[in-house]
Amino acid sequence: MNIVPVNNWVHVSVEQKHEEATVVLLPDDYKRTENPYKVVKVLTTCDSYSEGDLVIVPTHTIQDIEVLGETTYLVLQNHIMAVVA
């Protein structure tokens, strides 16, 4: 599947962390704290970023969209904070 973002959206890949089973009992309402920022990889070249660039974005700005049974991740160019050199 080929996604071509428009209107300042950038197609990115997000590395999924695999959680190992834990043997510690936690309260039912426990929520693991998530890092507010994430490093993602640009998948489609756009105005300011090339395919393969690693960029830093706020985690809450990553949009996950299911297309034809596959999850696609998009981020607005304005939300990209930095390029990892």
Protein backbone atom coordinates (compact mmCIF):
# COMPACT_ATOMS: atom_id res chain seq x y z
CA MET A 1 0.00 0.00 0.00
CA ASN A 2 1.32 3.45 -0.92
CA ILE A 3 0.21 6.45 1.13
CA VAL A 4 0.77 9.94 -0.30
CA PRO A 5 0.10 12.55 2.42
CA VAL A 6 -1.24 15.97 1.45
CA ASN A 7 -1.88 19.31 3.23
CA ASN A 8 1.31 19.32 5.35
CA TRP A 9 0.92 15.75 6.68
CA VAL A 10 3.99 13.51 6.91
CA HIS A 11 3.81 9.69 6.69
CA VAL A 12 5.93 8.20 9.51
CA SER A 13 6.68 4.84 11.07
CA VAL A 14 6.43 4.33 14.80
CA GLU A 15 8.49 1.66 16.50
CA GLN A 16 6.22 -0.48 18.65
CA LYS A 17 7.63 -1.61 21.97
CA HIS A 18 7.00 -5.19 22.92
CA GLU A 19 6.07 -5.45 26.56
CA GLU A 20 7.19 -8.44 28.51
CA ALA A 21 4.87 -10.12 30.96
CA THR A 22 5.21 -8.70 34.45
CA VAL A 23 4.98 -10.58 37.69
CA VAL A 24 4.27 -7.48 39.80
CA LEU A 25 0.66 -6.92 40.78
CA LEU A 26 -0.56 -3.42 40.01
CA PRO A 27 -3.82 -1.66 40.85
CA ASP A 28 -6.53 -1.91 38.18
CA ASP A 29 -6.47 1.84 37.57
CA TYR A 30 -2.66 2.01 37.12
CA LYS A 31 -1.52 3.76 33.94
CA ARG A 32 2.07 3.56 32.81
CA THR A 33 3.52 7.00 32.17
CA GLU A 34 4.33 7.52 28.53
CA ASN A 35 7.20 9.66 27.28
CA PRO A 36 5.68 12.90 25.94
CA TYR A 37 8.00 12.79 22.89
CA LYS A 38 8.81 10.10 20.35
CA VAL A 39 11.40 9.64 17.63
CA VAL A 40 9.74 8.50 14.39
CA LYS A 41 11.05 7.75 10.90
CA VAL A 42 9.81 9.70 7.86
CA LEU A 43 8.50 7.28 5.20
CA THR A 44 7.60 9.72 2.41
CA THR A 45 9.75 12.63 1.21
CA CYS A 46 8.03 16.01 1.59
CA ASP A 47 9.00 19.70 1.41
CA SER A 48 11.30 19.79 4.44
CA TYR A 49 12.05 16.14 5.23
CA SER A 50 13.51 13.24 3.30
CA GLU A 51 12.57 9.58 3.45
CA GLY A 52 14.51 7.94 6.28
CA ASP A 53 14.92 11.10 8.40
CA LEU A 54 14.44 10.56 12.13
CA VAL A 55 12.35 13.34 13.66
CA ILE A 56 11.11 14.17 17.16
CA VAL A 57 7.38 14.78 17.66
CA PRO A 58 5.05 15.09 20.65
CA THR A 59 3.53 11.65 21.20
CA HIS A 60 -0.05 12.94 21.32
CA THR A 61 0.23 14.43 17.81
CA ILE A 62 0.78 11.08 16.07
CA GLN A 63 -2.41 10.08 14.26
CA ASP A 64 -2.90 6.35 13.73
CA ILE A 65 -5.27 5.49 10.90
CA GLU A 66 -6.32 2.03 9.77
CA VAL A 67 -6.31 1.71 5.97
CA LEU A 68 -7.13 -1.61 4.30
CA GLY A 69 -6.35 -3.50 7.49
CA GLU A 70 -2.95 -1.85 8.02
CA THR A 71 -2.16 0.90 10.52
CA THR A 72 -0.69 4.08 9.03
CA TYR A 73 0.81 6.90 11.09
CA LEU A 74 0.65 10.58 10.09
CA VAL A 75 2.03 13.72 11.74
CA LEU A 76 1.56 17.35 10.74
CA GLN A 77 4.78 19.04 9.60
CA ASN A 78 4.14 21.83 12.12
CA HIS A 79 4.39 19.31 14.98
CA ILE A 80 7.88 18.12 14.05
CA MET A 81 10.22 19.63 16.64
CA ALA A 82 13.65 18.49 15.40
CA VAL A 83 15.56 16.22 13.07
CA VAL A 84 17.92 13.70 14.68
CA ALA A 85 21.31 14.11 13.00
